[in-house]
PDB file of N, CA and C in Angstrom:
ATOM      1  N   MET A   1     143.725 -28.497 -40.411  1.00  0.00           N
ATOM      2  CA  MET A   1     142.445 -28.642 -40.678  1.00  0.00           C
ATOM      3  C   MET A   1     141.653 -28.493 -39.709  1.00  0.00           C
ATOM      4  N   GLN A   2     140.595 -27.516 -39.510  1.00  0.00           N
ATOM      5  CA  GLN A   2     139.537 -27.822 -38.356  1.00  0.00           C
ATOM      6  C   GLN A   2     138.086 -27.900 -38.753  1.00  0.00           C
ATOM      7  N   ILE A   3     137.452 -28.771 -38.114  1.00  0.00           N
ATOM      8  CA  ILE A   3     136.085 -29.064 -38.232  1.00  0.00           C
ATOM      9  C   ILE A   3     135.237 -27.995 -37.903  1.00  0.00           C
ATOM     10  N   VAL A   4     134.430 -27.460 -38.975  1.00  0.00           N
ATOM     11  CA  VAL A   4     133.507 -26.468 -38.767  1.00  0.00           C
ATOM     12  C   VAL A   4     132.165 -26.917 -38.029  1.00  0.00           C
ATOM     13  N   ASN A   5     131.682 -28.125 -38.932  1.00  0.00           N
ATOM     14  CA  ASN A   5     130.488 -28.483 -38.342  1.00  0.00           C
ATOM     15  C   ASN A   5     130.384 -29.917 -38.993  1.00  0.00           C
ATOM     16  N   ILE A   6     129.168 -30.634 -38.590  1.00  0.00           N
ATOM     17  CA  ILE A   6     128.951 -31.695 -39.205  1.00  0.00           C
ATOM     18  C   ILE A   6     127.242 -31.888 -39.453  1.00  0.00           C
ATOM     19  N   GLY A   7     126.916 -32.610 -40.275  1.00  0.00           N
ATOM     20  CA  GLY A   7     125.501 -32.803 -40.773  1.00  0.00           C
ATOM     21  C   GLY A   7     125.220 -34.170 -41.148  1.00  0.00           C
ATOM     22  N   THR A   8     123.847 -34.545 -40.850  1.00  0.00           N
ATOM     23  CA  THR A   8     123.456 -35.875 -41.410  1.00  0.00           C
ATOM     24  C   THR A   8     122.062 -36.056 -41.449  1.00  0.00           C
ATOM     25  N   ASP A   9     121.569 -36.655 -42.378  1.00  0.00           N
ATOM     26  CA  ASP A   9     120.008 -36.918 -42.787  1.00  0.00           C
ATOM     27  C   ASP A   9     119.905 -38.081 -43.276  1.00  0.00           C
ATOM     28  N   ILE A  10     118.606 -38.526 -42.928  1.00  0.00           N
ATOM     29  CA  ILE A  10     118.015 -39.765 -43.579  1.00  0.00           C
ATOM     30  C   ILE A  10     116.769 -39.591 -44.169  1.00  0.00           C
ATOM     31  N   GLU A  11     116.592 -40.215 -45.356  1.00  0.00           N
ATOM     32  CA  GLU A  11     115.172 -40.111 -46.144  1.00  0.00           C
ATOM     33  C   GLU A  11     114.577 -41.299 -46.349  1.00  0.00           C
ATOM     34  N   GLU A  12     113.277 -41.664 -46.554  1.00  0.00           N
ATOM     35  CA  GLU A  12     112.542 -42.700 -47.010  1.00  0.00           C
ATOM     36  C   GLU A  12     112.560 -42.863 -48.358  1.00  0.00           C
ATOM     37  N   VAL A  13     113.132 -43.858 -49.004  1.00  0.00           N
ATOM     38  CA  VAL A  13     113.177 -43.877 -50.355  1.00  0.00           C
ATOM     39  C   VAL A  13     111.824 -43.733 -51.245  1.00  0.00           C
ATOM     40  N   LEU A  14     110.849 -44.445 -50.600  1.00  0.00           N
ATOM     41  CA  LEU A  14     109.435 -44.230 -50.966  1.00  0.00           C
ATOM     42  C   LEU A  14     108.783 -42.731 -51.152  1.00  0.00           C
ATOM     43  N   ARG A  15     109.270 -41.840 -50.566  1.00  0.00           N
ATOM     44  CA  ARG A  15     109.117 -40.491 -50.891  1.00  0.00           C
ATOM     45  C   ARG A  15     109.506 -40.007 -52.170  1.00  0.00           C
ATOM     46  N   PHE A  16     110.365 -40.598 -52.681  1.00  0.00           N
ATOM     47  CA  PHE A  16     111.084 -40.147 -54.213  1.00  0.00           C
ATOM     48  C   PHE A  16     110.578 -40.904 -55.328  1.00  0.00           C
ATOM     49  N   GLU A  17     109.699 -42.014 -55.044  1.00  0.00           N
ATOM     50  CA  GLU A  17     109.206 -42.964 -55.886  1.00  0.00           C
ATOM     51  C   GLU A  17     108.402 -42.202 -57.264  1.00  0.00           C
ATOM     52  N   ASN A  18     107.597 -41.435 -56.848  1.00  0.00           N
ATOM     53  CA  ASN A  18     106.478 -40.687 -57.847  1.00  0.00           C
ATOM     54  C   ASN A  18     106.648 -39.041 -57.757  1.00  0.00           C
ATOM     55  N   LEU A  19     107.613 -38.487 -57.475  1.00  0.00           N
ATOM     56  CA  LEU A  19     107.408 -36.893 -57.444  1.00  0.00           C
ATOM     57  C   LEU A  19     107.648 -36.484 -58.826  1.00  0.00           C
ATOM     58  N   GLU A  20     106.715 -35.101 -58.776  1.00  0.00           N
ATOM     59  CA  GLU A  20     106.289 -34.608 -60.010  1.00  0.00           C
ATOM     60  C   GLU A  20     107.730 -34.262 -60.664  1.00  0.00           C
ATOM     61  N   ILE A  21     108.048 -34.165 -61.987  1.00  0.00           N
ATOM     62  CA  ILE A  21     109.054 -33.584 -62.714  1.00  0.00           C
ATOM     63  C   ILE A  21     109.155 -32.067 -62.048  1.00  0.00           C
ATOM     64  N   LYS A  22     108.335 -31.236 -61.844  1.00  0.00           N
ATOM     65  CA  LYS A  22     108.283 -29.938 -61.535  1.00  0.00           C
ATOM     66  C   LYS A  22     108.869 -29.655 -60.090  1.00  0.00           C
ATOM     67  N   THR A  23     108.641 -30.636 -59.129  1.00  0.00           N
ATOM     68  CA  THR A  23     109.285 -30.862 -57.872  1.00  0.00           C
ATOM     69  C   THR A  23     110.772 -31.261 -58.045  1.00  0.00           C
ATOM     70  N   LEU A  24     111.146 -32.215 -58.934  1.00  0.00           N
ATOM     71  CA  LEU A  24     112.457 -32.635 -58.941  1.00  0.00           C
ATOM     72  C   LEU A  24     113.245 -31.383 -59.440  1.00  0.00           C
ATOM     73  N   HIS A  25     112.961 -30.828 -60.393  1.00  0.00           N
ATOM     74  CA  HIS A  25     113.445 -29.531 -60.887  1.00  0.00           C
ATOM     75  C   HIS A  25     113.964 -28.488 -59.849  1.00  0.00           C
ATOM     76  N   ARG A  26     112.989 -28.491 -58.952  1.00  0.00           N
ATOM     77  CA  ARG A  26     112.991 -27.353 -57.692  1.00  0.00           C
ATOM     78  C   ARG A  26     114.137 -27.710 -56.875  1.00  0.00           C
ATOM     79  N   LEU A  27     114.225 -29.218 -56.439  1.00  0.00           N
ATOM     80  CA  LEU A  27     115.231 -29.670 -55.825  1.00  0.00           C
ATOM     81  C   LEU A  27     116.451 -30.192 -55.895  1.00  0.00           C
ATOM     82  N   PHE A  28     116.539 -30.431 -57.385  1.00  0.00           N
ATOM     83  CA  PHE A  28     117.885 -30.941 -57.952  1.00  0.00           C
ATOM     84  C   PHE A  28     118.539 -30.265 -59.178  1.00  0.00           C
ATOM     85  N   THR A  29     119.808 -30.336 -59.380  1.00  0.00           N
ATOM     86  CA  THR A  29     120.508 -29.793 -60.573  1.00  0.00           C
ATOM     87  C   THR A  29     120.274 -30.747 -61.658  1.00  0.00           C
ATOM     88  N   GLU A  30     120.525 -29.921 -62.878  1.00  0.00           N
ATOM     89  CA  GLU A  30     120.299 -30.708 -64.279  1.00  0.00           C
ATOM     90  C   GLU A  30     121.253 -32.070 -64.065  1.00  0.00           C
ATOM     91  N   LYS A  31     122.330 -31.656 -63.755  1.00  0.00           N
ATOM     92  CA  LYS A  31     123.417 -32.908 -63.604  1.00  0.00           C
ATOM     93  C   LYS A  31     122.834 -34.020 -62.632  1.00  0.00           C
ATOM     94  N   GLU A  32     122.563 -33.621 -61.518  1.00  0.00           N
ATOM     95  CA  GLU A  32     121.904 -34.519 -60.671  1.00  0.00           C
ATOM     96  C   GLU A  32     120.731 -35.490 -61.170  1.00  0.00           C
ATOM     97  N   LEU A  33     119.761 -34.745 -61.888  1.00  0.00           N
ATOM     98  CA  LEU A  33     118.657 -35.277 -62.570  1.00  0.00           C
ATOM     99  C   LEU A  33     119.171 -36.334 -63.600  1.00  0.00           C
ATOM    100  N   ALA A  34     120.144 -35.883 -64.341  1.00  0.00           N
ATOM    101  CA  ALA A  34     120.699 -36.672 -65.372  1.00  0.00           C
ATOM    102  C   ALA A  34     120.974 -38.006 -65.109  1.00  0.00           C
ATOM    103  N   TYR A  35     121.940 -37.977 -63.762  1.00  0.00           N
ATOM    104  CA  TYR A  35     122.529 -39.147 -63.109  1.00  0.00           C
ATOM    105  C   TYR A  35     121.399 -40.086 -62.548  1.00  0.00           C
ATOM    106  N   CYS A  36     120.460 -39.393 -61.918  1.00  0.00           N
ATOM    107  CA  CYS A  36     119.703 -40.045 -61.036  1.00  0.00           C
ATOM    108  C   CYS A  36     118.585 -40.932 -61.988  1.00  0.00           C
ATOM    109  N   LEU A  37     117.906 -40.227 -62.813  1.00  0.00           N
ATOM    110  CA  LEU A  37     116.838 -40.578 -63.899  1.00  0.00           C
ATOM    111  C   LEU A  37     117.507 -41.629 -64.777  1.00  0.00           C
ATOM    112  N   ASN A  38     118.691 -41.694 -65.228  1.00  0.00           N
ATOM    113  CA  ASN A  38     119.157 -42.692 -65.971  1.00  0.00           C
ATOM    114  C   ASN A  38     119.776 -44.048 -65.153  1.00  0.00           C
ATOM    115  N   SER A  39     119.462 -43.946 -63.805  1.00  0.00           N
ATOM    116  CA  SER A  39     120.104 -45.024 -63.075  1.00  0.00           C
ATOM    117  C   SER A  39     118.770 -45.943 -62.989  1.00  0.00           C
ATOM    118  N   LYS A  40     119.273 -47.236 -62.663  1.00  0.00           N
ATOM    119  CA  LYS A  40     118.417 -48.320 -62.291  1.00  0.00           C
ATOM    120  C   LYS A  40     117.444 -48.133 -61.130  1.00  0.00           C
ATOM    121  N   ASN A  41     118.068 -47.790 -60.133  1.00  0.00           N
ATOM    122  CA  ASN A  41     117.064 -47.359 -58.836  1.00  0.00           C
ATOM    123  C   ASN A  41     117.120 -45.818 -58.698  1.00  0.00           C
ATOM    124  N   LYS A  42     116.249 -45.200 -59.616  1.00  0.00           N
ATOM    125  CA  LYS A  42     115.949 -43.796 -59.643  1.00  0.00           C
ATOM    126  C   LYS A  42     115.813 -43.253 -58.195  1.00  0.00           C
ATOM    127  N   ALA A  43     114.862 -43.786 -57.685  1.00  0.00           N
ATOM    128  CA  ALA A  43     114.240 -43.085 -56.328  1.00  0.00           C
ATOM    129  C   ALA A  43     115.357 -43.327 -55.225  1.00  0.00           C
ATOM    130  N   GLN A  44     116.166 -44.393 -55.012  1.00  0.00           N
ATOM    131  CA  GLN A  44     117.336 -44.427 -54.220  1.00  0.00           C
ATOM    132  C   GLN A  44     118.415 -43.245 -54.514  1.00  0.00           C
ATOM    133  N   HIS A  45     118.675 -43.304 -55.840  1.00  0.00           N
ATOM    134  CA  HIS A  45     119.519 -42.279 -56.017  1.00  0.00           C
ATOM    135  C   HIS A  45     119.253 -40.791 -55.804  1.00  0.00           C
ATOM    136  N   LEU A  46     117.795 -40.518 -56.009  1.00  0.00           N
ATOM    137  CA  LEU A  46     117.277 -39.322 -55.509  1.00  0.00           C
ATOM    138  C   LEU A  46     117.176 -39.072 -54.226  1.00  0.00           C
ATOM    139  N   ALA A  47     116.777 -40.080 -53.455  1.00  0.00           N
ATOM    140  CA  ALA A  47     116.803 -39.892 -52.016  1.00  0.00           C
ATOM    141  C   ALA A  47     118.198 -39.859 -51.268  1.00  0.00           C
ATOM    142  N   VAL A  48     119.145 -40.213 -51.742  1.00  0.00           N
ATOM    143  CA  VAL A  48     120.396 -40.121 -51.224  1.00  0.00           C
ATOM    144  C   VAL A  48     121.126 -38.923 -51.517  1.00  0.00           C
ATOM    145  N   ARG A  49     120.783 -38.351 -52.649  1.00  0.00           N
ATOM    146  CA  ARG A  49     121.190 -37.102 -52.971  1.00  0.00           C
ATOM    147  C   ARG A  49     120.526 -35.907 -52.060  1.00  0.00           C
ATOM    148  N   PHE A  50     119.106 -36.234 -51.892  1.00  0.00           N
ATOM    149  CA  PHE A  50     118.445 -35.306 -51.261  1.00  0.00           C
ATOM    150  C   PHE A  50     118.985 -35.188 -49.862  1.00  0.00           C
ATOM    151  N   ALA A  51     119.152 -36.390 -49.150  1.00  0.00           N
ATOM    152  CA  ALA A  51     119.871 -36.629 -47.974  1.00  0.00           C
ATOM    153  C   ALA A  51     121.090 -35.908 -47.808  1.00  0.00           C
ATOM    154  N   ALA A  52     121.843 -35.880 -48.884  1.00  0.00           N
ATOM    155  CA  ALA A  52     123.280 -35.174 -48.750  1.00  0.00           C
ATOM    156  C   ALA A  52     122.971 -33.819 -48.865  1.00  0.00           C
ATOM    157  N   LYS A  53     122.208 -33.105 -49.630  1.00  0.00           N
ATOM    158  CA  LYS A  53     121.764 -31.672 -49.694  1.00  0.00           C
ATOM    159  C   LYS A  53     121.398 -31.296 -48.400  1.00  0.00           C
ATOM    160  N   GLU A  54     120.380 -32.204 -47.581  1.00  0.00           N
ATOM    161  CA  GLU A  54     119.911 -31.655 -46.241  1.00  0.00           C
ATOM    162  C   GLU A  54     121.148 -31.622 -45.361  1.00  0.00           C
ATOM    163  N   ALA A  55     121.815 -32.848 -45.444  1.00  0.00           N
ATOM    164  CA  ALA A  55     122.944 -32.911 -44.369  1.00  0.00           C
ATOM    165  C   ALA A  55     123.990 -31.658 -44.385  1.00  0.00           C
ATOM    166  N   VAL A  56     124.295 -31.290 -45.946  1.00  0.00           N
ATOM    167  CA  VAL A  56     125.186 -30.205 -46.135  1.00  0.00           C
ATOM    168  C   VAL A  56     124.626 -28.832 -45.543  1.00  0.00           C
ATOM    169  N   PHE A  57     123.347 -28.712 -45.936  1.00  0.00           N
ATOM    170  CA  PHE A  57     122.415 -27.498 -45.303  1.00  0.00           C
ATOM    171  C   PHE A  57     122.450 -27.339 -43.813  1.00  0.00           C
ATOM    172  N   LYS A  58     122.380 -28.512 -43.060  1.00  0.00           N
ATOM    173  CA  LYS A  58     122.480 -28.599 -41.678  1.00  0.00           C
ATOM    174  C   LYS A  58     123.859 -28.176 -41.110  1.00  0.00           C
ATOM    175  N   ALA A  59     124.917 -28.514 -41.742  1.00  0.00           N
ATOM    176  CA  ALA A  59     126.288 -28.273 -41.306  1.00  0.00           C
ATOM    177  C   ALA A  59     126.968 -27.261 -41.915  1.00  0.00           C
ATOM    178  N   LEU A  60     126.466 -26.318 -42.829  1.00  0.00           N
ATOM    179  CA  LEU A  60     126.947 -24.860 -43.349  1.00  0.00           C
ATOM    180  C   LEU A  60     127.001 -24.089 -42.163  1.00  0.00           C
ATOM    181  N   PRO A  61     127.983 -23.162 -41.978  1.00  0.00           N
ATOM    182  CA  PRO A  61     128.165 -22.302 -41.163  1.00  0.00           C
ATOM    183  C   PRO A  61     127.515 -20.961 -41.353  1.00  0.00           C
ATOM    184  N   PHE A  62     126.447 -20.880 -42.259  1.00  0.00           N
ATOM    185  CA  PHE A  62     125.482 -19.820 -42.748  1.00  0.00           C
ATOM    186  C   PHE A  62     124.311 -20.622 -42.980  1.00  0.00           C
ATOM    187  N   GLU A  63     123.183 -19.501 -43.042  1.00  0.00           N
ATOM    188  CA  GLU A  63     121.775 -20.039 -43.400  1.00  0.00           C
ATOM    189  C   GLU A  63     121.343 -19.344 -44.709  1.00  0.00           C
ATOM    190  N   GLU A  64     120.207 -19.839 -45.035  1.00  0.00           N
ATOM    191  CA  GLU A  64     119.444 -19.316 -46.276  1.00  0.00           C
ATOM    192  C   GLU A  64     120.291 -19.577 -47.394  1.00  0.00           C
ATOM    193  N   ILE A  65     120.353 -20.940 -47.904  1.00  0.00           N
ATOM    194  CA  ILE A  65     120.939 -21.080 -49.414  1.00  0.00           C
ATOM    195  C   ILE A  65     119.810 -22.380 -49.808  1.00  0.00           C
ATOM    196  N   ALA A  66     119.611 -22.011 -51.190  1.00  0.00           N
ATOM    197  CA  ALA A  66     118.542 -22.953 -51.987  1.00  0.00           C
ATOM    198  C   ALA A  66     119.373 -24.350 -52.195  1.00  0.00           C
ATOM    199  N   LEU A  67     118.505 -25.195 -52.195  1.00  0.00           N
ATOM    200  CA  LEU A  67     119.088 -26.608 -52.261  1.00  0.00           C
ATOM    201  C   LEU A  67     119.819 -26.786 -53.591  1.00  0.00           C
ATOM    202  N   LYS A  68     119.496 -26.267 -54.654  1.00  0.00           N
ATOM    203  CA  LYS A  68     119.709 -26.182 -56.045  1.00  0.00           C
ATOM    204  C   LYS A  68     121.204 -25.814 -56.087  1.00  0.00           C
ATOM    205  N   LYS A  69     121.561 -25.044 -54.871  1.00  0.00           N
ATOM    206  CA  LYS A  69     123.287 -24.352 -54.775  1.00  0.00           C
ATOM    207  C   LYS A  69     124.091 -25.393 -54.132  1.00  0.00           C
ATOM    208  N   ILE A  70     123.703 -26.593 -53.885  1.00  0.00           N
ATOM    209  CA  ILE A  70     124.243 -27.565 -53.254  1.00  0.00           C
ATOM    210  C   ILE A  70     123.963 -28.883 -54.136  1.00  0.00           C
ATOM    211  N   GLU A  71     125.147 -29.256 -54.545  1.00  0.00           N
ATOM    212  CA  GLU A  71     125.252 -30.260 -55.802  1.00  0.00           C
ATOM    213  C   GLU A  71     126.052 -31.654 -55.317  1.00  0.00           C
ATOM    214  N   VAL A  72     125.570 -32.804 -55.591  1.00  0.00           N
ATOM    215  CA  VAL A  72     126.317 -33.742 -55.310  1.00  0.00           C
ATOM    216  C   VAL A  72     126.682 -34.163 -56.847  1.00  0.00           C
ATOM    217  N   VAL A  73     128.095 -34.118 -57.024  1.00  0.00           N
ATOM    218  CA  VAL A  73     128.834 -34.290 -58.385  1.00  0.00           C
ATOM    219  C   VAL A  73     129.600 -35.442 -57.981  1.00  0.00           C
ATOM    220  N   GLY A  74     129.782 -36.207 -59.501  1.00  0.00           N
ATOM    221  CA  GLY A  74     130.544 -37.222 -59.607  1.00  0.00           C
ATOM    222  C   GLY A  74     129.981 -38.275 -60.507  1.00  0.00           C
ATOM    223  N   LYS A  75     130.700 -39.016 -61.241  1.00  0.00           N
ATOM    224  CA  LYS A  75     130.224 -40.008 -62.330  1.00  0.00           C
ATOM    225  C   LYS A  75     130.094 -41.343 -61.720  1.00  0.00           C
ATOM    226  N   GLN A  76     129.374 -42.267 -62.323  1.00  0.00           N
ATOM    227  CA  GLN A  76     129.000 -43.521 -62.095  1.00  0.00           C
ATOM    228  C   GLN A  76     130.459 -44.253 -61.833  1.00  0.00           C
ATOM    229  N   GLY A  77     130.586 -44.860 -60.644  1.00  0.00           N
ATOM    230  CA  GLY A  77     131.726 -45.461 -60.148  1.00  0.00           C
ATOM    231  C   GLY A  77     132.704 -44.682 -59.417  1.00  0.00           C
ATOM    232  N   GLN A  78     132.408 -43.344 -59.391  1.00  0.00           N
ATOM    233  CA  GLN A  78     133.340 -42.407 -58.685  1.00  0.00           C
ATOM    234  C   GLN A  78     132.645 -42.081 -57.280  1.00  0.00           C
ATOM    235  N   LYS A  79     133.626 -41.645 -56.325  1.00  0.00           N
ATOM    236  CA  LYS A  79     133.027 -41.366 -54.827  1.00  0.00           C
ATOM    237  C   LYS A  79     132.333 -39.988 -55.236  1.00  0.00           C
ATOM    238  N   PRO A  80     131.121 -39.859 -54.735  1.00  0.00           N
ATOM    239  CA  PRO A  80     130.409 -38.692 -54.897  1.00  0.00           C
ATOM    240  C   PRO A  80     131.181 -37.480 -53.995  1.00  0.00           C
ATOM    241  N   GLN A  81     131.058 -36.149 -54.573  1.00  0.00           N
ATOM    242  CA  GLN A  81     131.626 -34.835 -53.862  1.00  0.00           C
ATOM    243  C   GLN A  81     130.548 -34.063 -53.806  1.00  0.00           C
ATOM    244  N   ILE A  82     130.908 -33.025 -52.936  1.00  0.00           N
ATOM    245  CA  ILE A  82     129.864 -31.883 -52.770  1.00  0.00           C
ATOM    246  C   ILE A  82     130.425 -30.603 -53.249  1.00  0.00           C
ATOM    247  N   ALA A  83     129.592 -30.045 -54.222  1.00  0.00           N
ATOM    248  CA  ALA A  83     129.714 -28.434 -54.643  1.00  0.00           C
ATOM    249  C   ALA A  83     128.889 -27.630 -54.169  1.00  0.00           C
ATOM    250  N   VAL A  84     129.379 -26.635 -53.444  1.00  0.00           N
ATOM    251  CA  VAL A  84     128.085 -25.550 -52.999  1.00  0.00           C
ATOM    252  C   VAL A  84     128.623 -24.309 -53.676  1.00  0.00           C
ATOM    253  N   TYR A  85     127.710 -23.739 -54.523  1.00  0.00           N
ATOM    254  CA  TYR A  85     127.958 -22.494 -55.288  1.00  0.00           C
ATOM    255  C   TYR A  85     127.150 -21.312 -54.492  1.00  0.00           C
ATOM    256  N   ASP A  86     128.275 -20.990 -53.779  1.00  0.00           N
ATOM    257  CA  ASP A  86     127.920 -19.796 -52.776  1.00  0.00           C
ATOM    258  C   ASP A  86     129.308 -19.194 -52.471  1.00  0.00           C
ATOM    259  N   GLU A  87     129.433 -17.959 -52.693  1.00  0.00           N
ATOM    260  CA  GLU A  87     130.936 -17.420 -52.210  1.00  0.00           C
ATOM    261  C   GLU A  87     131.244 -17.528 -50.790  1.00  0.00           C
ATOM    262  N   ARG A  88     130.216 -17.787 -49.947  1.00  0.00           N
ATOM    263  CA  ARG A  88     130.563 -17.962 -48.448  1.00  0.00           C
ATOM    264  C   ARG A  88     130.947 -19.438 -48.124  1.00  0.00           C
ATOM    265  N   ALA A  89     130.891 -20.321 -49.289  1.00  0.00           N
ATOM    266  CA  ALA A  89     131.550 -21.635 -49.010  1.00  0.00           C
ATOM    267  C   ALA A  89     132.766 -21.712 -49.581  1.00  0.00           C
ATOM    268  N   LYS A  90     133.422 -20.795 -50.225  1.00  0.00           N
ATOM    269  CA  LYS A  90     134.662 -20.777 -50.922  1.00  0.00           C
ATOM    270  C   LYS A  90     135.782 -21.363 -50.331  1.00  0.00           C
ATOM    271  N   ASN A  91     135.985 -21.232 -49.109  1.00  0.00           N
ATOM    272  CA  ASN A  91     137.091 -21.850 -48.253  1.00  0.00           C
ATOM    273  C   ASN A  91     136.761 -23.177 -47.429  1.00  0.00           C
ATOM    274  N   LEU A  92     135.638 -23.741 -47.661  1.00  0.00           N
ATOM    275  CA  LEU A  92     134.997 -24.844 -47.096  1.00  0.00           C
ATOM    276  C   LEU A  92     135.410 -25.941 -47.865  1.00  0.00           C
ATOM    277  N   ILE A  93     135.975 -27.328 -47.090  1.00  0.00           N
ATOM    278  CA  ILE A  93     135.860 -28.338 -47.522  1.00  0.00           C
ATOM    279  C   ILE A  93     134.918 -29.450 -47.023  1.00  0.00           C
ATOM    280  N   PHE A  94     134.366 -30.314 -48.064  1.00  0.00           N
ATOM    281  CA  PHE A  94     133.250 -30.981 -47.619  1.00  0.00           C
ATOM    282  C   PHE A  94     133.702 -32.562 -47.729  1.00  0.00           C
ATOM    283  N   LYS A  95     133.486 -33.199 -46.637  1.00  0.00           N
ATOM    284  CA  LYS A  95     133.631 -34.831 -46.626  1.00  0.00           C
ATOM    285  C   LYS A  95     132.268 -35.520 -46.706  1.00  0.00           C
ATOM    286  N   LEU A  96     131.937 -36.281 -47.689  1.00  0.00           N
ATOM    287  CA  LEU A  96     130.576 -36.736 -47.595  1.00  0.00           C
ATOM    288  C   LEU A  96     130.692 -38.405 -47.635  1.00  0.00           C
ATOM    289  N   SER A  97     129.685 -39.047 -47.124  1.00  0.00           N
ATOM    290  CA  SER A  97     129.341 -40.545 -46.933  1.00  0.00           C
ATOM    291  C   SER A  97     128.070 -40.597 -47.195  1.00  0.00           C
ATOM    292  N   LEU A  98     127.882 -41.506 -48.254  1.00  0.00           N
ATOM    293  CA  LEU A  98     126.284 -41.820 -48.483  1.00  0.00           C
ATOM    294  C   LEU A  98     126.086 -43.411 -48.471  1.00  0.00           C
ATOM    295  N   SER A  99     124.910 -43.757 -48.065  1.00  0.00           N
ATOM    296  CA  SER A  99     124.384 -45.047 -48.129  1.00  0.00           C
ATOM    297  C   SER A  99     123.036 -45.207 -48.464  1.00  0.00           C
ATOM    298  N   HIS A 100     122.489 -46.343 -49.132  1.00  0.00           N
ATOM    299  CA  HIS A 100     121.241 -46.280 -49.186  1.00  0.00           C
ATOM    300  C   HIS A 100     120.760 -47.932 -49.234  1.00  0.00           C
ATOM    301  N   THR A 101     119.523 -48.204 -48.737  1.00  0.00           N
ATOM    302  CA  THR A 101     118.968 -49.622 -48.896  1.00  0.00           C
ATOM    303  C   THR A 101     117.789 -49.386 -49.755  1.00  0.00           C
ATOM    304  N   LYS A 102     117.010 -50.437 -49.924  1.00  0.00           N
ATOM    305  CA  LYS A 102     115.736 -50.434 -50.636  1.00  0.00           C
ATOM    306  C   LYS A 102     115.068 -49.405 -50.095  1.00  0.00           C
ATOM    307  N   ASN A 103     114.857 -48.981 -48.629  1.00  0.00           N
ATOM    308  CA  ASN A 103     113.911 -48.249 -48.070  1.00  0.00           C
ATOM    309  C   ASN A 103     114.351 -47.134 -47.709  1.00  0.00           C
ATOM    310  N   ASN A 104     115.676 -46.825 -47.347  1.00  0.00           N
ATOM    311  CA  ASN A 104     116.296 -45.664 -46.628  1.00  0.00           C
ATOM    312  C   ASN A 104     117.456 -45.203 -47.455  1.00  0.00           C
ATOM    313  N   ALA A 105     117.503 -43.955 -47.220  1.00  0.00           N
ATOM    314  CA  ALA A 105     119.094 -43.430 -47.699  1.00  0.00           C
ATOM    315  C   ALA A 105     119.533 -42.479 -46.508  1.00  0.00           C
ATOM    316  N   VAL A 106     120.843 -42.504 -46.301  1.00  0.00           N
ATOM    317  CA  VAL A 106     121.569 -41.666 -45.316  1.00  0.00           C
ATOM    318  C   VAL A 106     122.650 -41.016 -45.900  1.00  0.00           C
ATOM    319  N   ALA A 107     122.724 -39.794 -45.399  1.00  0.00           N
ATOM    320  CA  ALA A 107     124.129 -38.939 -45.856  1.00  0.00           C
ATOM    321  C   ALA A 107     124.724 -38.236 -44.615  1.00  0.00           C
ATOM    322  N   PHE A 108     126.141 -38.214 -44.546  1.00  0.00           N
ATOM    323  CA  PHE A 108     126.944 -37.772 -43.509  1.00  0.00           C
ATOM    324  C   PHE A 108     127.889 -36.974 -43.967  1.00  0.00           C
ATOM    325  N   VAL A 109     127.781 -35.615 -43.633  1.00  0.00           N
ATOM    326  CA  VAL A 109     128.760 -34.746 -44.037  1.00  0.00           C
ATOM    327  C   VAL A 109     129.810 -33.993 -42.993  1.00  0.00           C
ATOM    328  N   VAL A 110     130.906 -33.738 -43.255  1.00  0.00           N
ATOM    329  CA  VAL A 110     131.882 -32.908 -42.111  1.00  0.00           C
ATOM    330  C   VAL A 110     132.353 -31.831 -43.281  1.00  0.00           C
ATOM    331  N   VAL A 111     132.133 -30.718 -42.459  1.00  0.00           N
ATOM    332  CA  VAL A 111     132.653 -29.513 -42.928  1.00  0.00           C
ATOM    333  C   VAL A 111     133.983 -29.234 -42.372  1.00  0.00           C
ATOM    334  N   LEU A 112     135.045 -28.954 -43.289  1.00  0.00           N
ATOM    335  CA  LEU A 112     136.176 -28.364 -42.674  1.00  0.00           C
ATOM    336  C   LEU A 112     136.698 -27.183 -43.450  1.00  0.00           C
ATOM    337  N   LYS A 113     137.642 -26.490 -42.509  1.00  0.00           N
ATOM    338  CA  LYS A 113     138.180 -25.365 -42.995  1.00  0.00           C
ATOM    339  C   LYS A 113     139.724 -25.455 -42.787  1.00  0.00           C
ATOM    340  N   GLU A 114     140.503 -24.851 -43.922  1.00  0.00           N
ATOM    341  CA  GLU A 114     141.921 -24.699 -43.587  1.00  0.00           C
ATOM    342  C   GLU A 114     142.067 -24.011 -42.499  1.00  0.00           C
ATOM    343  N   ASP A 115     143.266 -24.161 -41.662  1.00  0.00           N
ATOM    344  CA  ASP A 115     143.662 -23.606 -40.401  1.00  0.00           C
ATOM    345  C   ASP A 115     143.870 -21.966 -40.730  1.00  0.00           C
ATOM    346  N   ASN A 116     144.717 -21.941 -41.953  1.00  0.00           N
ATOM    347  CA  ASN A 116     144.868 -20.410 -42.448  1.00  0.00           C
ATOM    348  C   ASN A 116     143.977 -19.718 -43.213  1.00  0.00           C
ATOM    349  N   ALA A 117     142.754 -20.317 -43.508  1.00  0.00           N
ATOM    350  CA  ALA A 117     141.764 -19.835 -44.387  1.00  0.00           C
ATOM    351  C   ALA A 117     140.773 -18.901 -43.494  1.00  0.00           C
TER     352      ALA A 117
END
């Protein structure tokens, strides 16, 4: 496998405390919102998922993709994964690391491609 690119992002959790539902629906998928809004620390979960989307956006080898086409998937207790709903990403593999505190959320993404792809 070869590394295509890397991306990272950090977000302030406070920015996600009182976002309007309209804004949330513009940034996140229904699955992401269901997970985050049913969590104890909603803003932390929203912030870290947004950081992940931004990190992926920065690492993609192409431009112009809607944030809702990038999804953080996984259930409570499972390691989060990235899904990118774009034909240009079909041969890409995403490795994701997320972390958050009360005040900050950070994401790091490595984008890989099979040597023969």
